[in-house]
Protein backbone atom coordinates (compact mmCIF):
# COMPACT_ATOMS: atom_id res chain seq x y z
CA MET A 1 -6.83 18.23 -10.84
CA ALA A 2 -7.28 14.60 -11.79
CA ASP A 3 -10.52 12.90 -10.85
CA ARG A 4 -10.71 11.27 -7.45
CA GLU A 5 -11.37 7.87 -9.08
CA TRP A 6 -8.24 5.78 -9.68
CA ALA A 7 -8.17 2.77 -12.01
CA GLY A 8 -6.24 0.58 -9.58
CA THR A 9 -4.66 -1.72 -12.19
CA THR A 10 -1.09 -2.23 -13.35
CA TYR A 11 -0.49 -0.58 -16.74
CA GLY A 12 0.10 -2.80 -19.77
CA ASN A 13 -1.44 -5.90 -21.34
CA GLY A 14 -0.69 -9.50 -20.42
CA TRP A 15 1.87 -9.96 -23.22
CA MET A 16 3.88 -6.93 -22.11
CA LEU A 17 3.87 -7.95 -18.45
CA ARG A 18 4.88 -11.55 -19.15
CA HIS A 19 7.81 -10.42 -21.30
CA LEU A 20 8.85 -7.92 -18.63
CA ILE A 21 9.12 -10.79 -16.13
CA VAL A 22 11.24 -12.85 -18.56
CA MET A 23 13.50 -9.85 -19.24
CA LEU A 24 14.04 -9.22 -15.52
CA ARG A 25 15.42 -12.72 -15.04
CA TYR A 26 18.51 -11.60 -16.97
CA VAL A 27 18.62 -7.79 -16.78
CA ASP A 28 19.72 -5.68 -13.81
CA VAL A 29 16.77 -3.66 -12.50
CA ARG A 30 18.90 -0.49 -12.64
CA ILE A 31 18.94 -0.66 -16.43
CA LEU A 32 15.15 -0.56 -16.49
CA TYR A 33 15.18 2.19 -13.84
CA LEU A 34 17.32 4.30 -16.19
CA PHE A 35 15.17 3.53 -19.22
CA SER A 36 12.05 4.48 -17.26
CA ALA A 37 13.57 7.72 -15.94
CA VAL A 38 14.83 8.87 -19.36
CA PHE A 39 12.12 7.67 -21.74
CA VAL A 40 8.96 6.69 -19.87
CA VAL A 41 8.58 9.20 -17.03
CA PRO A 42 8.97 12.36 -19.17
CA VAL A 43 6.23 11.10 -21.50
CA CYS A 44 3.98 10.30 -18.54
CA LEU A 45 4.54 13.76 -17.10
CA VAL A 46 3.44 15.33 -20.38
CA LEU A 47 0.44 13.09 -21.07
CA ASN A 48 -0.81 12.25 -17.57
CA ARG A 49 -2.73 14.49 -15.19
CA SER A 50 -0.89 12.80 -12.33
CA ARG A 51 1.82 15.47 -12.62
CA LYS A 52 -0.67 18.11 -11.47
CA THR A 53 -1.82 16.22 -8.39
CA ALA A 54 1.75 15.25 -7.50
CA TYR A 55 2.98 18.82 -7.91
CA TRP A 56 0.05 20.14 -5.85
CA TYR A 57 0.86 17.62 -3.08
CA PHE A 58 4.50 18.73 -2.92
CA ARG A 59 3.70 22.43 -3.23
CA HIS A 60 0.76 22.71 -0.83
CA ARG A 61 0.89 19.68 1.46
CA MET A 62 4.66 19.40 1.84
CA GLY A 63 5.27 23.14 1.51
CA PHE A 64 8.04 22.83 -1.10
CA GLY A 65 9.07 25.75 -3.29
CA ARG A 66 8.16 25.69 -7.00
CA LEU A 67 11.46 24.24 -8.25
CA LYS A 68 11.69 21.65 -5.49
CA ALA A 69 8.05 20.66 -6.01
CA ALA A 70 8.64 20.26 -9.77
CA TRP A 71 11.79 18.17 -9.24
CA SER A 72 10.06 16.09 -6.56
CA THR A 73 7.21 15.41 -8.99
CA TYR A 74 9.72 13.93 -11.43
CA ILE A 75 11.46 11.87 -8.70
CA ASN A 76 8.08 10.71 -7.41
CA HIS A 77 7.15 9.30 -10.82
CA CYS A 78 10.61 7.72 -11.20
CA LEU A 79 10.25 5.98 -7.84
CA PHE A 80 6.77 4.80 -8.71
CA GLY A 81 8.19 3.26 -11.87
CA GLN A 82 10.92 1.61 -9.81
CA VAL A 83 8.54 -0.03 -7.33
CA VAL A 84 6.46 -1.38 -10.24
CA ILE A 85 9.65 -2.78 -11.81
CA ASP A 86 10.65 -4.22 -8.41
CA LYS A 87 7.31 -6.01 -8.15
CA PHE A 88 7.90 -7.77 -11.45
CA ALA A 89 11.54 -8.38 -10.51
CA MET A 90 10.25 -10.36 -7.52
CA TYR A 91 8.02 -12.36 -9.87
CA ALA A 92 11.17 -13.05 -11.90
CA GLY A 93 12.92 -14.43 -8.80
CA LYS A 94 15.08 -11.48 -7.78
CA LYS A 95 15.60 -10.76 -4.08
CA PHE A 96 15.74 -7.50 -2.16
CA GLU A 97 17.41 -6.70 1.14
CA ILE A 98 14.76 -6.12 3.81
CA GLU A 99 15.33 -4.11 6.98
CA LEU A 100 12.68 -4.51 9.70
CA GLU A 101 11.60 -2.01 12.33
CA GLY A 102 9.01 -3.07 14.90
CA TYR A 103 8.94 -6.67 13.66
CA ASP A 104 8.57 -7.86 17.26
CA ASN A 105 5.09 -6.27 17.25
CA PHE A 106 4.09 -8.60 14.42
CA LEU A 107 5.70 -11.69 15.95
CA SER A 108 4.04 -11.05 19.32
CA LEU A 109 0.56 -10.99 17.78
CA ALA A 110 1.33 -13.89 15.43
CA ALA A 111 2.11 -16.06 18.46
CA LYS A 112 -1.34 -15.47 19.98
CA PRO A 113 -4.52 -17.38 19.03
CA GLU A 114 -6.49 -14.22 18.20
CA GLY A 115 -6.54 -12.66 14.75
CA PHE A 116 -5.27 -9.17 14.00
CA VAL A 117 -5.40 -6.52 11.31
CA LEU A 118 -2.64 -4.88 9.25
CA LEU A 119 -3.48 -1.48 7.74
CA SER A 120 -1.45 -0.43 4.72
CA SER A 121 -1.22 2.59 2.42
CA HIS A 122 -0.41 3.35 -1.20
CA ILE A 123 3.08 4.51 -0.34
CA GLY A 124 6.37 2.69 -0.81
CA ASN A 125 5.94 -0.90 -2.01
CA TYR A 126 3.56 -2.69 0.34
CA GLU A 127 3.43 -5.91 -1.70
CA ILE A 128 6.89 -6.79 -0.35
CA ALA A 129 5.33 -7.08 3.11
CA GLY A 130 3.40 -10.10 1.87
CA TYR A 131 6.67 -11.92 1.23
CA THR A 132 8.27 -10.73 4.49
CA LEU A 133 5.67 -10.79 7.28
CA VAL A 134 4.89 -14.49 7.17
CA ALA A 135 3.39 -16.26 10.18
CA GLU A 136 3.85 -20.04 10.03
CA THR A 137 0.84 -20.72 12.26
CA LYS A 138 -1.58 -18.13 10.87
CA VAL A 139 -3.17 -17.56 7.50
CA PHE A 140 -2.38 -14.11 6.05
CA ASN A 141 -5.40 -12.73 4.13
CA ALA A 142 -4.56 -9.83 1.83
CA LEU A 143 -7.34 -7.63 0.49
CA VAL A 144 -6.62 -6.91 -3.19
CA PHE A 145 -8.31 -5.08 -6.07
CA ALA A 146 -10.43 -7.60 -8.02
CA GLY A 147 -9.84 -5.89 -11.38
CA GLU A 148 -6.05 -6.30 -11.37
CA LYS A 149 -4.38 -7.74 -14.49
CA GLN A 150 -4.50 -11.55 -14.78
CA THR A 151 -0.71 -11.73 -15.17
CA VAL A 152 -0.23 -9.93 -11.86
CA MET A 153 -2.75 -12.15 -10.07
CA GLU A 154 -1.21 -15.33 -11.51
CA ASN A 155 2.28 -14.33 -10.37
CA ARG A 156 1.01 -13.41 -6.92
CA ASP A 157 -0.49 -16.90 -6.72
CA LYS A 158 2.90 -18.41 -7.63
CA MET A 159 4.75 -16.26 -5.10
CA PHE A 160 2.28 -17.17 -2.37
CA ALA A 161 2.05 -20.89 -3.27
CA ASP A 162 4.38 -22.04 -0.47
CA THR A 163 3.10 -19.61 2.15
CA ASN A 164 -0.02 -19.17 4.27
CA ILE A 165 -1.05 -16.14 2.21
CA ARG A 166 -4.49 -15.90 0.59
CA MET A 167 -5.98 -13.09 -1.45
CA ILE A 168 -9.44 -11.64 -0.82
CA PRO A 169 -10.60 -9.66 -3.88
CA ILE A 170 -12.59 -6.46 -3.28
CA LEU A 171 -15.95 -7.12 -4.97
CA PRO A 172 -18.79 -4.71 -5.88
CA ASP A 173 -21.31 -6.70 -3.83
CA MET A 174 -19.15 -6.14 -0.70
CA SER A 175 -19.03 -9.91 -0.07
CA HIS A 176 -15.34 -9.53 0.80
CA LEU A 177 -16.48 -8.12 4.15
CA PHE A 178 -17.86 -11.52 5.10
CA ALA A 179 -14.56 -13.18 4.15
CA ILE A 180 -12.68 -10.67 6.31
CA ASP A 181 -14.96 -11.23 9.30
CA PHE A 182 -14.70 -15.02 8.90
CA ALA A 183 -10.89 -14.80 8.82
CA LEU A 184 -10.75 -12.73 12.01
CA GLN A 185 -13.15 -15.13 13.74
CA ASN A 186 -10.72 -17.93 12.87
CA GLY A 187 -7.78 -16.09 14.42
CA GLU A 188 -6.17 -15.19 11.09
CA ILE A 189 -4.36 -12.08 9.86
CA VAL A 190 -6.18 -9.61 7.61
CA SER A 191 -4.28 -7.00 5.62
CA MET A 192 -6.12 -4.12 3.96
CA PRO A 193 -5.40 -0.64 2.60
CA ALA A 194 -6.87 2.23 4.62
CA ASP A 195 -6.20 5.20 2.36
CA ARG A 196 -8.58 4.63 -0.57
CA ILE A 197 -12.36 4.41 -0.54
CA HIS A 198 -13.76 1.40 -2.44
CA GLY A 199 -17.44 0.57 -2.85
CA SER A 200 -19.09 2.31 0.11
CA ALA A 201 -18.72 6.09 0.15
CA LYS A 202 -18.78 6.17 3.95
CA SER A 203 -15.62 7.79 5.23
CA VAL A 204 -13.71 9.16 8.21
CA THR A 205 -12.51 12.75 7.94
CA ALA A 206 -9.07 13.44 9.41
CA HIS A 207 -6.59 16.31 9.49
CA PHE A 208 -3.78 15.06 7.28
CA LEU A 209 -0.72 17.05 6.17
CA GLY A 210 -2.36 20.35 7.02
CA ALA A 211 -5.84 19.83 5.54
CA GLU A 212 -8.95 17.66 5.88
CA ALA A 213 -8.97 14.38 3.94
CA CYS A 214 -11.31 11.40 3.74
CA PHE A 215 -10.26 7.88 4.68
CA PRO A 216 -12.35 4.70 4.27
CA TYR A 217 -14.63 4.08 7.23
CA GLY A 218 -14.80 0.36 6.49
CA ALA A 219 -11.14 -0.39 7.21
CA PHE A 220 -11.30 1.14 10.70
CA SER A 221 -14.75 -0.31 11.37
CA VAL A 222 -13.61 -3.86 10.55
CA ALA A 223 -10.44 -3.43 12.60
CA THR A 224 -12.34 -2.46 15.74
CA LEU A 225 -15.49 -4.59 15.36
CA ARG A 226 -14.07 -7.43 17.48
CA ASN A 227 -11.56 -5.32 19.45
CA THR A 228 -8.87 -6.73 17.17
CA PRO A 229 -5.24 -5.59 17.58
CA VAL A 230 -4.18 -3.31 14.72
CA LEU A 231 -0.79 -2.69 13.17
CA ALA A 232 0.19 -0.14 10.52
CA VAL A 233 2.65 -1.61 8.02
CA ASN A 234 4.57 0.51 5.53
CA VAL A 235 7.35 -0.71 3.23
CA MET A 236 9.61 2.10 2.03
CA LYS A 237 12.30 1.98 -0.65
CA ARG A 238 15.77 2.89 0.67
CA LYS A 239 18.11 1.92 -2.19
CA HIS A 240 17.80 0.13 -5.53
CA ASN A 241 17.92 -3.26 -3.79
CA ARG A 242 16.79 -2.42 -0.26
CA TYR A 243 13.50 -1.75 1.50
CA LYS A 244 12.64 -0.97 5.10
CA VAL A 245 9.47 -2.38 6.69
CA TYR A 246 7.93 -0.32 9.49
CA VAL A 247 5.49 -2.17 11.77
CA THR A 248 3.71 0.17 14.21
CA PRO A 249 0.93 -0.70 16.70
CA LEU A 250 -2.20 1.44 16.44
CA ASP A 251 -3.46 1.46 20.02
CA TYR A 252 -7.04 2.21 20.99
CA ASP A 253 -9.27 1.80 24.04
CA THR A 254 -11.22 -1.44 23.61
CA GLU A 255 -13.64 -0.33 26.36
CA ALA A 256 -14.60 2.86 24.51
CA SER A 257 -17.72 3.27 22.39
CA ARG A 258 -17.63 1.97 18.83
CA LYS A 259 -17.52 5.51 17.47
CA ASP A 260 -14.61 6.44 19.73
CA LYS A 261 -12.66 3.29 18.86
CA ILE A 262 -12.95 4.04 15.15
CA ALA A 263 -11.90 7.64 15.77
CA GLN A 264 -8.88 6.54 17.83
CA VAL A 265 -7.62 3.98 15.30
CA SER A 266 -8.12 6.31 12.34
CA LYS A 267 -6.28 9.11 14.16
CA ALA A 268 -3.36 6.79 14.99
CA TYR A 269 -3.25 5.49 11.41
CA VAL A 270 -3.24 8.97 9.87
CA ALA A 271 -0.51 10.10 12.29
CA GLU A 272 1.66 7.13 11.27
CA LEU A 273 1.00 7.77 7.57
CA GLU A 274 2.02 11.39 8.00
CA ARG A 275 5.18 10.32 9.87
CA MET A 276 6.16 8.07 6.98
CA LEU A 277 5.59 10.78 4.39
CA ARG A 278 7.64 13.29 6.36
CA MET A 279 10.52 10.82 6.08
CA TYR A 280 9.78 9.69 2.50
CA PRO A 281 7.80 12.52 0.84
CA THR A 282 8.47 11.32 -2.72
CA GLN A 283 6.94 7.87 -2.13
CA TRP A 284 3.30 9.01 -2.11
CA TYR A 285 1.44 7.19 -4.89
CA ASN A 286 -2.17 8.38 -4.66
CA PHE A 287 -2.32 10.16 -8.00
CA PHE A 288 -5.68 11.85 -7.60
CA ASP A 289 -7.04 14.81 -5.65
CA PHE A 290 -6.81 13.11 -2.26
CA TRP A 291 -7.85 16.24 -0.34
CA ASN A 292 -10.92 16.97 -2.50
């Protein structure tokens, strides 16, 4: 099994990433998909320990047979390569067709003065949500990994230049928590992942795909601190040029105790995450021993 720690950065140096963006202005993404599937993914499967965790996920969490689990491991890595390529294709100016389910849930909350929280996961291609779920009257604060490559951060800044989107980097001193709380006090939107533990080791244990797994306590704690409405947002790849955005309310009893509110939101989030993975099992991109 790979270690539980995950680097969290996009592979490659700045020169490589900048040239990839230039290339994608002129090259069909499907050509790079093919190159990745034939030349890159097989090498990664040989050299990377991610193949073991992916195979274990398909074999023991999804209940696939050996051959199906092995094939799904390959497809999983191919799809991961595709969503990375798609991210840079967006930086290069390419557009994708977006299908929305539950978008009225987002619009309803965006029309109110209070802030609300979006909980995401490392499945599909969540970054597309930042270019899709835009509220003209509210600032959208996205929690991002502070150690990401400069090229990626610069292109995110360019993509978000004409929107109300701001990035809040996750910092070792946990100061990002103050920025999140300030944003919610101001009636803004806060988007954060709720499937990886950063900084604090405090966690919520939940039954997920047939076994106990740990989820970050902080995400659910922040979401319920001010009785804030919570939505789960997942963006799943459907075709080479199409994604579907699922926006699902995570209801909880605002009159309950703090402990019960956190338990209710985490349970609803995990149930929605499991629902997505039952529909899109090969789009799970947590390449470490998640159930350790």
